[in-house]
């Protein structure tokens, strides 16, 4: 990677970090570009060279999280019946709780639920619109998303192991 690409990556990461920090103390929709550049220590021109809006930072963060998920995921199979995978998912989302909650509260154009759905479609294929089986994919991804968000918003009081076990129990997966 050349120096300019490295510098742009640093700018993007600094802006994302600043957005996450600011979103913990105020509503994301009230955060201004000026606040972001001050908090991140980047120049206004650098912001606009990399992003056209604050929402673009959210999209960038989602894509970065997808990259991390793919790098850290021990399984090639997004099978919601796999206990180890479900445990990994709860551990992963706990690890990136600030980022996940920032995306959720921003109601980003590319929501985390969409990302989870896309993972499922990547693994199982985009089922024909006349296939009733496609609803199982959306059932699991929606149930998982809702459990994760409420767990994170409640401060992850339960362990990832307990959450994985509860998800498996609720969805009748063994």
C-alpha atoms as a PDB file:
ATOM      1  CA  UNK A   1       0.000   0.000   0.000  1.00  0.00           C
ATOM      2  CA  UNK A   2       1.451   3.396  -0.932  1.00  0.00           C
ATOM      3  CA  UNK A   3       1.853   6.298   1.511  1.00  0.00           C
ATOM      4  CA  UNK A   4      -1.221   8.162   0.266  1.00  0.00           C
ATOM      5  CA  UNK A   5      -3.446   5.091   0.685  1.00  0.00           C
ATOM      6  CA  UNK A   6      -2.051   4.542   4.185  1.00  0.00           C
ATOM      7  CA  UNK A   7      -2.711   8.196   5.056  1.00  0.00           C
ATOM      8  CA  UNK A   8      -6.291   7.986   3.733  1.00  0.00           C
ATOM      9  CA  UNK A   9      -6.876   4.790   5.708  1.00  0.00           C
ATOM     10  CA  UNK A  10      -5.661   6.541   8.861  1.00  0.00           C
ATOM     11  CA  UNK A  11      -7.978   9.502   8.181  1.00  0.00           C
ATOM     12  CA  UNK A  12     -10.950   7.164   7.682  1.00  0.00           C
ATOM     13  CA  UNK A  13     -10.178   5.200  10.838  1.00  0.00           C
ATOM     14  CA  UNK A  14      -9.709   8.379  12.894  1.00  0.00           C
ATOM     15  CA  UNK A  15     -13.047   9.746  11.680  1.00  0.00           C
ATOM     16  CA  UNK A  16     -14.803   6.456  12.428  1.00  0.00           C
ATOM     17  CA  UNK A  17     -13.294   6.346  15.920  1.00  0.00           C
ATOM     18  CA  UNK A  18     -14.355   9.969  16.529  1.00  0.00           C
ATOM     19  CA  UNK A  19     -17.894   9.204  15.331  1.00  0.00           C
ATOM     20  CA  UNK A  20     -18.139   6.238  17.698  1.00  0.00           C
ATOM     21  CA  UNK A  21     -16.879   8.323  20.623  1.00  0.00           C
ATOM     22  CA  UNK A  22     -19.202  11.232  19.865  1.00  0.00           C
ATOM     23  CA  UNK A  23     -22.197   8.944  19.382  1.00  0.00           C
ATOM     24  CA  UNK A  24     -21.744   7.709  22.947  1.00  0.00           C
ATOM     25  CA  UNK A  25     -22.381  11.183  24.337  1.00  0.00           C
ATOM     26  CA  UNK A  26     -24.907  12.612  21.867  1.00  0.00           C
ATOM     27  CA  UNK A  27     -27.374  11.521  19.212  1.00  0.00           C
ATOM     28  CA  UNK A  28     -25.522  10.601  16.049  1.00  0.00           C
ATOM     29  CA  UNK A  29     -27.869  12.732  13.928  1.00  0.00           C
ATOM     30  CA  UNK A  30     -26.761  15.871  15.784  1.00  0.00           C
ATOM     31  CA  UNK A  31     -23.040  15.274  15.215  1.00  0.00           C
ATOM     32  CA  UNK A  32     -21.535  17.774  12.814  1.00  0.00           C
ATOM     33  CA  UNK A  33     -18.635  17.470  10.413  1.00  0.00           C
ATOM     34  CA  UNK A  34     -16.887  20.201  12.396  1.00  0.00           C
ATOM     35  CA  UNK A  35     -17.153  18.170  15.614  1.00  0.00           C
ATOM     36  CA  UNK A  36     -15.870  15.092  13.824  1.00  0.00           C
ATOM     37  CA  UNK A  37     -12.836  16.768  12.343  1.00  0.00           C
ATOM     38  CA  UNK A  38     -12.004  18.436  15.665  1.00  0.00           C
ATOM     39  CA  UNK A  39     -12.360  15.163  17.594  1.00  0.00           C
ATOM     40  CA  UNK A  40     -10.434  13.133  15.007  1.00  0.00           C
ATOM     41  CA  UNK A  41      -7.689  15.688  14.400  1.00  0.00           C
ATOM     42  CA  UNK A  42      -8.039  15.527  10.610  1.00  0.00           C
ATOM     43  CA  UNK A  43      -8.395  18.444   8.224  1.00  0.00           C
ATOM     44  CA  UNK A  44     -11.763  19.326   6.708  1.00  0.00           C
ATOM     45  CA  UNK A  45     -10.289  18.733   3.242  1.00  0.00           C
ATOM     46  CA  UNK A  46      -9.231  15.233   4.329  1.00  0.00           C
ATOM     47  CA  UNK A  47     -12.767  14.520   5.490  1.00  0.00           C
ATOM     48  CA  UNK A  48     -14.227  15.532   2.133  1.00  0.00           C
ATOM     49  CA  UNK A  49     -11.499  13.756   0.171  1.00  0.00           C
ATOM     50  CA  UNK A  50     -12.623  10.497   1.797  1.00  0.00           C
ATOM     51  CA  UNK A  51     -16.322  10.997   2.562  1.00  0.00           C
ATOM     52  CA  UNK A  52     -19.169  13.096   1.284  1.00  0.00           C
ATOM     53  CA  UNK A  53     -21.245  12.781   4.462  1.00  0.00           C
ATOM     54  CA  UNK A  54     -21.277  11.409   7.992  1.00  0.00           C
ATOM     55  CA  UNK A  55     -23.454   8.558   6.712  1.00  0.00           C
ATOM     56  CA  UNK A  56     -20.558   7.548   4.449  1.00  0.00           C
ATOM     57  CA  UNK A  57     -18.456   7.010   7.582  1.00  0.00           C
ATOM     58  CA  UNK A  58     -21.124   4.625   8.866  1.00  0.00           C
ATOM     59  CA  UNK A  59     -21.049   2.713   5.573  1.00  0.00           C
ATOM     60  CA  UNK A  60     -17.252   2.587   5.757  1.00  0.00           C
ATOM     61  CA  UNK A  61     -17.452   1.286   9.330  1.00  0.00           C
ATOM     62  CA  UNK A  62     -19.925  -1.424   8.331  1.00  0.00           C
ATOM     63  CA  UNK A  63     -17.597  -2.581   5.561  1.00  0.00           C
ATOM     64  CA  UNK A  64     -14.620  -2.574   7.949  1.00  0.00           C
ATOM     65  CA  UNK A  65     -16.607  -4.644  10.433  1.00  0.00           C
ATOM     66  CA  UNK A  66     -17.564  -7.103   7.682  1.00  0.00           C
ATOM     67  CA  UNK A  67     -13.866  -7.432   6.832  1.00  0.00           C
ATOM     68  CA  UNK A  68     -12.983  -8.094  10.482  1.00  0.00           C
ATOM     69  CA  UNK A  69     -15.822 -10.593  10.792  1.00  0.00           C
ATOM     70  CA  UNK A  70     -14.614 -12.508   7.753  1.00  0.00           C
ATOM     71  CA  UNK A  71     -11.013 -12.461   9.010  1.00  0.00           C
ATOM     72  CA  UNK A  72     -11.914 -13.655  12.520  1.00  0.00           C
ATOM     73  CA  UNK A  73     -14.700 -16.106  11.664  1.00  0.00           C
ATOM     74  CA  UNK A  74     -13.435 -19.643  12.319  1.00  0.00           C
ATOM     75  CA  UNK A  75     -16.105 -21.172  10.079  1.00  0.00           C
ATOM     76  CA  UNK A  76     -16.772 -20.926   6.357  1.00  0.00           C
ATOM     77  CA  UNK A  77     -20.360 -21.956   6.953  1.00  0.00           C
ATOM     78  CA  UNK A  78     -22.900 -19.414   8.275  1.00  0.00           C
ATOM     79  CA  UNK A  79     -25.040 -22.145   9.776  1.00  0.00           C
ATOM     80  CA  UNK A  80     -27.307 -20.908  12.569  1.00  0.00           C
ATOM     81  CA  UNK A  81     -27.489 -24.502  13.842  1.00  0.00           C
ATOM     82  CA  UNK A  82     -23.742 -24.512  14.646  1.00  0.00           C
ATOM     83  CA  UNK A  83     -23.181 -23.811  18.371  1.00  0.00           C
ATOM     84  CA  UNK A  84     -19.543 -22.785  17.870  1.00  0.00           C
ATOM     85  CA  UNK A  85     -20.500 -20.276  15.192  1.00  0.00           C
ATOM     86  CA  UNK A  86     -23.267 -18.752  17.310  1.00  0.00           C
ATOM     87  CA  UNK A  87     -20.840 -18.413  20.224  1.00  0.00           C
ATOM     88  CA  UNK A  88     -18.303 -16.752  17.895  1.00  0.00           C
ATOM     89  CA  UNK A  89     -21.002 -14.338  16.714  1.00  0.00           C
ATOM     90  CA  UNK A  90     -21.920 -13.244  20.237  1.00  0.00           C
ATOM     91  CA  UNK A  91     -18.229 -12.886  21.155  1.00  0.00           C
ATOM     92  CA  UNK A  92     -17.563 -10.891  17.975  1.00  0.00           C
ATOM     93  CA  UNK A  93     -20.460  -8.497  18.457  1.00  0.00           C
ATOM     94  CA  UNK A  94     -19.570  -8.000  22.129  1.00  0.00           C
ATOM     95  CA  UNK A  95     -15.995  -7.172  21.103  1.00  0.00           C
ATOM     96  CA  UNK A  96     -17.286  -4.548  18.641  1.00  0.00           C
ATOM     97  CA  UNK A  97     -20.267  -3.407  20.758  1.00  0.00           C
ATOM     98  CA  UNK A  98     -19.524   0.325  20.423  1.00  0.00           C
ATOM     99  CA  UNK A  99     -19.316   0.030  16.663  1.00  0.00           C
ATOM    100  CA  UNK A 100     -22.453  -2.132  16.389  1.00  0.00           C
ATOM    101  CA  UNK A 101     -24.497   0.211  18.561  1.00  0.00           C
ATOM    102  CA  UNK A 102     -23.279   3.239  16.606  1.00  0.00           C
ATOM    103  CA  UNK A 103     -24.514   1.602  13.397  1.00  0.00           C
ATOM    104  CA  UNK A 104     -27.789   0.597  14.999  1.00  0.00           C
ATOM    105  CA  UNK A 105     -28.494   4.031  16.477  1.00  0.00           C
ATOM    106  CA  UNK A 106     -27.521   5.719  13.220  1.00  0.00           C
ATOM    107  CA  UNK A 107     -30.107   3.592  11.425  1.00  0.00           C
ATOM    108  CA  UNK A 108     -27.519   3.398   8.704  1.00  0.00           C
ATOM    109  CA  UNK A 109     -28.599   2.924   5.084  1.00  0.00           C
ATOM    110  CA  UNK A 110     -26.762  -0.392   5.164  1.00  0.00           C
ATOM    111  CA  UNK A 111     -27.908  -1.772   8.483  1.00  0.00           C
ATOM    112  CA  UNK A 112     -26.297  -4.555  10.414  1.00  0.00           C
ATOM    113  CA  UNK A 113     -29.384  -6.662   9.737  1.00  0.00           C
ATOM    114  CA  UNK A 114     -28.767  -6.275   6.015  1.00  0.00           C
ATOM    115  CA  UNK A 115     -25.166  -7.399   6.537  1.00  0.00           C
ATOM    116  CA  UNK A 116     -26.333 -10.458   8.495  1.00  0.00           C
ATOM    117  CA  UNK A 117     -28.904 -11.257   5.784  1.00  0.00           C
ATOM    118  CA  UNK A 118     -26.206 -10.902   3.127  1.00  0.00           C
ATOM    119  CA  UNK A 119     -23.951 -13.344   5.002  1.00  0.00           C
ATOM    120  CA  UNK A 120     -26.792 -15.843   5.011  1.00  0.00           C
ATOM    121  CA  UNK A 121     -27.475 -15.357   1.306  1.00  0.00           C
ATOM    122  CA  UNK A 122     -23.763 -15.700   0.509  1.00  0.00           C
ATOM    123  CA  UNK A 123     -23.693 -19.076   2.233  1.00  0.00           C
ATOM    124  CA  UNK A 124     -27.049 -20.505   1.236  1.00  0.00           C
ATOM    125  CA  UNK A 125     -27.549 -18.691  -2.038  1.00  0.00           C
ATOM    126  CA  UNK A 126     -30.250 -16.248  -2.999  1.00  0.00           C
ATOM    127  CA  UNK A 127     -33.250 -18.519  -2.958  1.00  0.00           C
ATOM    128  CA  UNK A 128     -35.862 -18.208  -5.673  1.00  0.00           C
ATOM    129  CA  UNK A 129     -38.695 -15.858  -4.737  1.00  0.00           C
ATOM    130  CA  UNK A 130     -41.134 -18.766  -4.881  1.00  0.00           C
ATOM    131  CA  UNK A 131     -39.142 -20.835  -2.345  1.00  0.00           C
ATOM    132  CA  UNK A 132     -40.761 -20.790   1.074  1.00  0.00           C
ATOM    133  CA  UNK A 133     -37.430 -21.936   2.598  1.00  0.00           C
ATOM    134  CA  UNK A 134     -35.984 -18.446   2.134  1.00  0.00           C
ATOM    135  CA  UNK A 135     -37.972 -17.283   5.165  1.00  0.00           C
ATOM    136  CA  UNK A 136     -35.909 -19.483   7.466  1.00  0.00           C
ATOM    137  CA  UNK A 137     -32.834 -17.398   6.613  1.00  0.00           C
ATOM    138  CA  UNK A 138     -34.618 -14.174   7.497  1.00  0.00           C
ATOM    139  CA  UNK A 139     -36.060 -15.721  10.656  1.00  0.00           C
ATOM    140  CA  UNK A 140     -32.631 -16.643  12.027  1.00  0.00           C
ATOM    141  CA  UNK A 141     -30.892 -13.440  10.988  1.00  0.00           C
ATOM    142  CA  UNK A 142     -33.712 -11.252  12.366  1.00  0.00           C
ATOM    143  CA  UNK A 143     -33.899 -13.169  15.636  1.00  0.00           C
ATOM    144  CA  UNK A 144     -30.135 -13.022  16.037  1.00  0.00           C
ATOM    145  CA  UNK A 145     -29.962  -9.310  15.228  1.00  0.00           C
ATOM    146  CA  UNK A 146     -32.657  -8.444  17.763  1.00  0.00           C
ATOM    147  CA  UNK A 147     -31.061 -10.535  20.489  1.00  0.00           C
ATOM    148  CA  UNK A 148     -27.634  -8.978  19.878  1.00  0.00           C
ATOM    149  CA  UNK A 149     -28.909  -5.391  19.858  1.00  0.00           C
ATOM    150  CA  UNK A 150     -30.920  -5.775  23.062  1.00  0.00           C
ATOM    151  CA  UNK A 151     -28.059  -7.628  24.752  1.00  0.00           C
ATOM    152  CA  UNK A 152     -25.568  -4.910  23.807  1.00  0.00           C
ATOM    153  CA  UNK A 153     -27.934  -2.099  24.813  1.00  0.00           C
ATOM    154  CA  UNK A 154     -28.421  -3.794  28.202  1.00  0.00           C
ATOM    155  CA  UNK A 155     -24.677  -3.849  28.820  1.00  0.00           C
ATOM    156  CA  UNK A 156     -23.871  -7.487  27.918  1.00  0.00           C
ATOM    157  CA  UNK A 157     -24.659  -8.654  31.451  1.00  0.00           C
ATOM    158  CA  UNK A 158     -24.964 -12.234  30.241  1.00  0.00           C
ATOM    159  CA  UNK A 159     -21.914 -14.015  28.863  1.00  0.00           C
ATOM    160  CA  UNK A 160     -21.572 -14.769  25.144  1.00  0.00           C
ATOM    161  CA  UNK A 161     -21.825 -18.456  26.107  1.00  0.00           C
ATOM    162  CA  UNK A 162     -25.156 -17.862  27.866  1.00  0.00           C
ATOM    163  CA  UNK A 163     -26.460 -15.846  24.917  1.00  0.00           C
ATOM    164  CA  UNK A 164     -25.421 -18.516  22.403  1.00  0.00           C
ATOM    165  CA  UNK A 165     -27.057 -21.195  24.519  1.00  0.00           C
ATOM    166  CA  UNK A 166     -30.252 -19.133  24.816  1.00  0.00           C
ATOM    167  CA  UNK A 167     -30.345 -18.440  21.075  1.00  0.00           C
ATOM    168  CA  UNK A 168     -29.966 -22.151  20.372  1.00  0.00           C
ATOM    169  CA  UNK A 169     -32.736 -22.948  22.876  1.00  0.00           C
ATOM    170  CA  UNK A 170     -35.161 -20.364  21.528  1.00  0.00           C
ATOM    171  CA  UNK A 171     -34.624 -21.358  17.912  1.00  0.00           C
ATOM    172  CA  UNK A 172     -34.760 -25.085  18.745  1.00  0.00           C
ATOM    173  CA  UNK A 173     -31.275 -25.646  17.350  1.00  0.00           C
ATOM    174  CA  UNK A 174     -29.284 -28.489  18.828  1.00  0.00           C
END
